[in-house]
């Protein structure tokens, strides 16, 4: 289940440097997660770190 960034994202840049797989990049209007690269941080962190650092809680797992 890859992470998804909702449209409420304000592009605060908190999640981008935290992603160990470089799965987060700028989309048309806000950051997006590449589902082929997202591993939910397995092997790096106990839980998806992008979710942990998001100040708006706009990142979810689908």
PDB file of N, CA and C in Angstrom:
ATOM      1  N   UNK A   1       0.832  -1.180   0.000  1.00  0.00           N
ATOM      2  CA  UNK A   1       0.000   0.000   0.000  1.00  0.00           C
ATOM      3  C   UNK A   1       0.872   1.238   0.000  1.00  0.00           C
ATOM      4  N   UNK A   2       1.030   1.893  -1.117  1.00  0.00           N
ATOM      5  CA  UNK A   2       1.850   3.110  -1.144  1.00  0.00           C
ATOM      6  C   UNK A   2       1.138   4.284  -0.494  1.00  0.00           C
ATOM      7  N   UNK A   3       1.915   5.275  -0.147  1.00  0.00           N
ATOM      8  CA  UNK A   3       1.373   6.509   0.420  1.00  0.00           C
ATOM      9  C   UNK A   3       0.788   7.366  -0.694  1.00  0.00           C
ATOM     10  N   UNK A   4      -0.205   8.163  -0.328  1.00  0.00           N
ATOM     11  CA  UNK A   4      -0.837   9.105  -1.254  1.00  0.00           C
ATOM     12  C   UNK A   4      -0.898  10.454  -0.564  1.00  0.00           C
ATOM     13  N   UNK A   5      -0.530  11.493  -1.291  1.00  0.00           N
ATOM     14  CA  UNK A   5      -0.592  12.847  -0.763  1.00  0.00           C
ATOM     15  C   UNK A   5      -1.851  13.499  -1.289  1.00  0.00           C
ATOM     16  N   UNK A   6      -2.693  13.966  -0.373  1.00  0.00           N
ATOM     17  CA  UNK A   6      -3.978  14.558  -0.732  1.00  0.00           C
ATOM     18  C   UNK A   6      -3.803  15.983  -1.268  1.00  0.00           C
ATOM     19  N   UNK A   7      -4.855  16.501  -1.887  1.00  0.00           N
ATOM     20  CA  UNK A   7      -4.800  17.834  -2.485  1.00  0.00           C
ATOM     21  C   UNK A   7      -4.652  18.950  -1.450  1.00  0.00           C
ATOM     22  N   UNK A   8      -4.841  18.653  -0.178  1.00  0.00           N
ATOM     23  CA  UNK A   8      -4.661  19.669   0.864  1.00  0.00           C
ATOM     24  C   UNK A   8      -3.188  19.955   1.141  1.00  0.00           C
ATOM     25  N   UNK A   9      -2.290  19.263   0.472  1.00  0.00           N
ATOM     26  CA  UNK A   9      -0.839  19.472   0.610  1.00  0.00           C
ATOM     27  C   UNK A   9      -0.490  20.921   0.255  1.00  0.00           C
ATOM     28  N   UNK A  10       0.334  21.546   1.091  1.00  0.00           N
ATOM     29  CA  UNK A  10       0.751  22.936   0.844  1.00  0.00           C
ATOM     30  C   UNK A  10       2.206  23.016   0.360  1.00  0.00           C
ATOM     31  N   UNK A  11       2.787  21.879  -0.005  1.00  0.00           N
ATOM     32  CA  UNK A  11       4.158  21.823  -0.523  1.00  0.00           C
ATOM     33  C   UNK A  11       5.164  22.400   0.474  1.00  0.00           C
ATOM     34  N   UNK A  12       5.051  21.988   1.710  1.00  0.00           N
ATOM     35  CA  UNK A  12       5.909  22.533   2.767  1.00  0.00           C
ATOM     36  C   UNK A  12       7.325  21.952   2.738  1.00  0.00           C
ATOM     37  N   UNK A  13       7.549  20.915   1.964  1.00  0.00           N
ATOM     38  CA  UNK A  13       8.864  20.284   1.801  1.00  0.00           C
ATOM     39  C   UNK A  13       9.310  19.437   2.988  1.00  0.00           C
ATOM     40  N   UNK A  14       8.459  19.150   3.942  1.00  0.00           N
ATOM     41  CA  UNK A  14       8.859  18.343   5.095  1.00  0.00           C
ATOM     42  C   UNK A  14       9.079  16.881   4.714  1.00  0.00           C
ATOM     43  N   UNK A  15       8.267  16.358   3.826  1.00  0.00           N
ATOM     44  CA  UNK A  15       8.317  14.935   3.503  1.00  0.00           C
ATOM     45  C   UNK A  15       9.429  14.552   2.527  1.00  0.00           C
ATOM     46  N   UNK A  16       9.759  15.440   1.626  1.00  0.00           N
ATOM     47  CA  UNK A  16      10.698  15.106   0.547  1.00  0.00           C
ATOM     48  C   UNK A  16      12.048  14.603   1.060  1.00  0.00           C
ATOM     49  N   UNK A  17      12.734  15.321   1.948  1.00  0.00           N
ATOM     50  CA  UNK A  17      14.044  14.831   2.389  1.00  0.00           C
ATOM     51  C   UNK A  17      13.964  13.604   3.296  1.00  0.00           C
ATOM     52  N   UNK A  18      12.779  13.295   3.825  1.00  0.00           N
ATOM     53  CA  UNK A  18      12.619  12.152   4.718  1.00  0.00           C
ATOM     54  C   UNK A  18      12.435  10.831   3.986  1.00  0.00           C
ATOM     55  N   UNK A  19      12.085  10.875   2.715  1.00  0.00           N
ATOM     56  CA  UNK A  19      11.807   9.647   1.958  1.00  0.00           C
ATOM     57  C   UNK A  19      13.109   8.950   1.569  1.00  0.00           C
ATOM     58  N   UNK A  20      13.350   7.748   2.100  1.00  0.00           N
ATOM     59  CA  UNK A  20      14.591   7.046   1.793  1.00  0.00           C
ATOM     60  C   UNK A  20      14.653   6.505   0.367  1.00  0.00           C
ATOM     61  N   UNK A  21      13.518   6.465  -0.314  1.00  0.00           N
ATOM     62  CA  UNK A  21      13.462   5.917  -1.671  1.00  0.00           C
ATOM     63  C   UNK A  21      13.307   6.976  -2.750  1.00  0.00           C
ATOM     64  N   UNK A  22      13.315   8.243  -2.348  1.00  0.00           N
ATOM     65  CA  UNK A  22      13.119   9.344  -3.285  1.00  0.00           C
ATOM     66  C   UNK A  22      11.841   9.160  -4.102  1.00  0.00           C
ATOM     67  N   UNK A  23      10.783   8.717  -3.422  1.00  0.00           N
ATOM     68  CA  UNK A  23       9.508   8.442  -4.081  1.00  0.00           C
ATOM     69  C   UNK A  23       8.610   9.669  -4.170  1.00  0.00           C
ATOM     70  N   UNK A  24       8.981  10.754  -3.498  1.00  0.00           N
ATOM     71  CA  UNK A  24       8.135  11.950  -3.468  1.00  0.00           C
ATOM     72  C   UNK A  24       8.729  13.016  -4.387  1.00  0.00           C
ATOM     73  N   UNK A  25       7.892  13.528  -5.274  1.00  0.00           N
ATOM     74  CA  UNK A  25       8.346  14.587  -6.183  1.00  0.00           C
ATOM     75  C   UNK A  25       7.184  15.539  -6.445  1.00  0.00           C
ATOM     76  N   UNK A  26       7.503  16.693  -6.997  1.00  0.00           N
ATOM     77  CA  UNK A  26       6.481  17.696  -7.283  1.00  0.00           C
ATOM     78  C   UNK A  26       5.630  17.243  -8.455  1.00  0.00           C
ATOM     79  N   UNK A  27       4.322  17.252  -8.235  1.00  0.00           N
ATOM     80  CA  UNK A  27       3.371  16.948  -9.289  1.00  0.00           C
ATOM     81  C   UNK A  27       2.908  18.234  -9.945  1.00  0.00           C
ATOM     82  N   UNK A  28       1.756  18.216 -10.551  1.00  0.00           N
ATOM     83  CA  UNK A  28       1.221  19.391 -11.215  1.00  0.00           C
ATOM     84  C   UNK A  28       0.900  20.510 -10.230  1.00  0.00           C
ATOM     85  N   UNK A  29       0.287  20.146  -9.076  1.00  0.00           N
ATOM     86  CA  UNK A  29      -0.127  21.158  -8.106  1.00  0.00           C
ATOM     87  C   UNK A  29       0.476  20.950  -6.720  1.00  0.00           C
ATOM     88  N   UNK A  30       0.809  19.713  -6.389  1.00  0.00           N
ATOM     89  CA  UNK A  30       1.359  19.408  -5.075  1.00  0.00           C
ATOM     90  C   UNK A  30       2.250  18.172  -5.195  1.00  0.00           C
ATOM     91  N   UNK A  31       2.913  17.861  -4.101  1.00  0.00           N
ATOM     92  CA  UNK A  31       3.784  16.690  -4.122  1.00  0.00           C
ATOM     93  C   UNK A  31       2.978  15.422  -4.352  1.00  0.00           C
ATOM     94  N   UNK A  32       3.619  14.455  -4.990  1.00  0.00           N
ATOM     95  CA  UNK A  32       2.997  13.168  -5.266  1.00  0.00           C
ATOM     96  C   UNK A  32       3.977  12.066  -4.897  1.00  0.00           C
ATOM     97  N   UNK A  33       3.438  10.884  -4.624  1.00  0.00           N
ATOM     98  CA  UNK A  33       4.254   9.718  -4.291  1.00  0.00           C
ATOM     99  C   UNK A  33       4.215   8.757  -5.463  1.00  0.00           C
ATOM    100  N   UNK A  34       5.376   8.329  -5.920  1.00  0.00           N
ATOM    101  CA  UNK A  34       5.463   7.334  -6.981  1.00  0.00           C
ATOM    102  C   UNK A  34       5.200   5.968  -6.344  1.00  0.00           C
ATOM    103  N   UNK A  35       4.086   5.311  -6.679  1.00  0.00           N
ATOM    104  CA  UNK A  35       3.752   4.039  -6.044  1.00  0.00           C
ATOM    105  C   UNK A  35       4.747   2.921  -6.362  1.00  0.00           C
ATOM    106  N   UNK A  36       5.500   3.081  -7.431  1.00  0.00           N
ATOM    107  CA  UNK A  36       6.501   2.070  -7.776  1.00  0.00           C
ATOM    108  C   UNK A  36       7.753   2.187  -6.907  1.00  0.00           C
ATOM    109  N   UNK A  37       7.975   3.348  -6.317  1.00  0.00           N
ATOM    110  CA  UNK A  37       9.147   3.563  -5.472  1.00  0.00           C
ATOM    111  C   UNK A  37       8.837   3.495  -3.982  1.00  0.00           C
ATOM    112  N   UNK A  38       7.583   3.749  -3.607  1.00  0.00           N
ATOM    113  CA  UNK A  38       7.205   3.788  -2.188  1.00  0.00           C
ATOM    114  C   UNK A  38       7.202   2.376  -1.600  1.00  0.00           C
ATOM    115  N   UNK A  39       7.948   2.204  -0.528  1.00  0.00           N
ATOM    116  CA  UNK A  39       7.988   0.924   0.187  1.00  0.00           C
ATOM    117  C   UNK A  39       7.450   1.068   1.602  1.00  0.00           C
ATOM    118  N   UNK A  40       6.788   2.191   1.887  1.00  0.00           N
ATOM    119  CA  UNK A  40       6.293   2.504   3.225  1.00  0.00           C
ATOM    120  C   UNK A  40       7.433   2.524   4.235  1.00  0.00           C
ATOM    121  N   UNK A  41       8.624   2.798   3.770  1.00  0.00           N
ATOM    122  CA  UNK A  41       9.838   2.910   4.595  1.00  0.00           C
ATOM    123  C   UNK A  41      10.263   1.593   5.228  1.00  0.00           C
ATOM    124  N   UNK A  42       9.736   0.483   4.735  1.00  0.00           N
ATOM    125  CA  UNK A  42      10.130  -0.827   5.267  1.00  0.00           C
ATOM    126  C   UNK A  42      11.627  -1.011   5.060  1.00  0.00           C
ATOM    127  N   UNK A  43      12.301  -1.387   6.127  1.00  0.00           N
ATOM    128  CA  UNK A  43      13.744  -1.548   6.092  1.00  0.00           C
ATOM    129  C   UNK A  43      14.503  -0.295   6.490  1.00  0.00           C
ATOM    130  N   UNK A  44      13.780   0.814   6.649  1.00  0.00           N
ATOM    131  CA  UNK A  44      14.397   2.078   7.036  1.00  0.00           C
ATOM    132  C   UNK A  44      13.848   2.592   8.361  1.00  0.00           C
ATOM    133  N   UNK A  45      12.511   2.637   8.469  1.00  0.00           N
ATOM    134  CA  UNK A  45      11.849   3.186   9.650  1.00  0.00           C
ATOM    135  C   UNK A  45      10.720   2.249  10.085  1.00  0.00           C
ATOM    136  N   UNK A  46      10.238   2.443  11.303  1.00  0.00           N
ATOM    137  CA  UNK A  46       9.148   1.615  11.820  1.00  0.00           C
ATOM    138  C   UNK A  46       7.814   1.903  11.147  1.00  0.00           C
ATOM    139  N   UNK A  47       7.623   3.132  10.682  1.00  0.00           N
ATOM    140  CA  UNK A  47       6.402   3.515   9.981  1.00  0.00           C
ATOM    141  C   UNK A  47       6.772   4.528   8.908  1.00  0.00           C
ATOM    142  N   UNK A  48       5.881   4.772   7.946  1.00  0.00           N
ATOM    143  CA  UNK A  48       6.194   5.725   6.884  1.00  0.00           C
ATOM    144  C   UNK A  48       6.543   7.098   7.452  1.00  0.00           C
ATOM    145  N   UNK A  49       7.755   7.517   7.231  1.00  0.00           N
ATOM    146  CA  UNK A  49       8.225   8.767   7.828  1.00  0.00           C
ATOM    147  C   UNK A  49       7.580   9.999   7.208  1.00  0.00           C
ATOM    148  N   UNK A  50       7.135   9.916   5.970  1.00  0.00           N
ATOM    149  CA  UNK A  50       6.454  11.073   5.370  1.00  0.00           C
ATOM    150  C   UNK A  50       5.179  11.391   6.132  1.00  0.00           C
ATOM    151  N   UNK A  51       4.485  10.363   6.562  1.00  0.00           N
ATOM    152  CA  UNK A  51       3.266  10.559   7.347  1.00  0.00           C
ATOM    153  C   UNK A  51       3.602  11.164   8.700  1.00  0.00           C
ATOM    154  N   UNK A  52       4.680  10.687   9.305  1.00  0.00           N
ATOM    155  CA  UNK A  52       5.072  11.165  10.631  1.00  0.00           C
ATOM    156  C   UNK A  52       5.452  12.644  10.641  1.00  0.00           C
ATOM    157  N   UNK A  53       6.048  13.142   9.563  1.00  0.00           N
ATOM    158  CA  UNK A  53       6.514  14.532   9.550  1.00  0.00           C
ATOM    159  C   UNK A  53       5.528  15.518   8.924  1.00  0.00           C
ATOM    160  N   UNK A  54       4.470  15.039   8.311  1.00  0.00           N
ATOM    161  CA  UNK A  54       3.511  15.927   7.642  1.00  0.00           C
ATOM    162  C   UNK A  54       2.735  16.748   8.668  1.00  0.00           C
ATOM    163  N   UNK A  55       2.864  18.082   8.630  1.00  0.00           N
ATOM    164  CA  UNK A  55       2.164  18.916   9.613  1.00  0.00           C
ATOM    165  C   UNK A  55       0.654  19.014   9.379  1.00  0.00           C
ATOM    166  N   UNK A  56       0.190  18.647   8.192  1.00  0.00           N
ATOM    167  CA  UNK A  56      -1.236  18.744   7.877  1.00  0.00           C
ATOM    168  C   UNK A  56      -1.943  17.393   7.866  1.00  0.00           C
ATOM    169  N   UNK A  57      -1.212  16.325   8.109  1.00  0.00           N
ATOM    170  CA  UNK A  57      -1.786  14.975   8.045  1.00  0.00           C
ATOM    171  C   UNK A  57      -2.489  14.730   6.721  1.00  0.00           C
ATOM    172  N   UNK A  58      -1.860  15.154   5.633  1.00  0.00           N
ATOM    173  CA  UNK A  58      -2.485  14.981   4.321  1.00  0.00           C
ATOM    174  C   UNK A  58      -1.899  13.803   3.540  1.00  0.00           C
ATOM    175  N   UNK A  59      -1.103  12.968   4.217  1.00  0.00           N
ATOM    176  CA  UNK A  59      -0.536  11.792   3.566  1.00  0.00           C
ATOM    177  C   UNK A  59      -1.159  10.547   4.209  1.00  0.00           C
ATOM    178  N   UNK A  60      -1.682   9.666   3.373  1.00  0.00           N
ATOM    179  CA  UNK A  60      -2.311   8.443   3.868  1.00  0.00           C
ATOM    180  C   UNK A  60      -1.817   7.240   3.084  1.00  0.00           C
ATOM    181  N   UNK A  61      -2.053   6.078   3.623  1.00  0.00           N
ATOM    182  CA  UNK A  61      -1.746   4.844   2.911  1.00  0.00           C
ATOM    183  C   UNK A  61      -3.018   4.345   2.246  1.00  0.00           C
ATOM    184  N   UNK A  62      -2.908   3.877   1.006  1.00  0.00           N
ATOM    185  CA  UNK A  62      -4.072   3.345   0.296  1.00  0.00           C
ATOM    186  C   UNK A  62      -3.839   1.906  -0.081  1.00  0.00           C
TER     187      UNK A  62
END
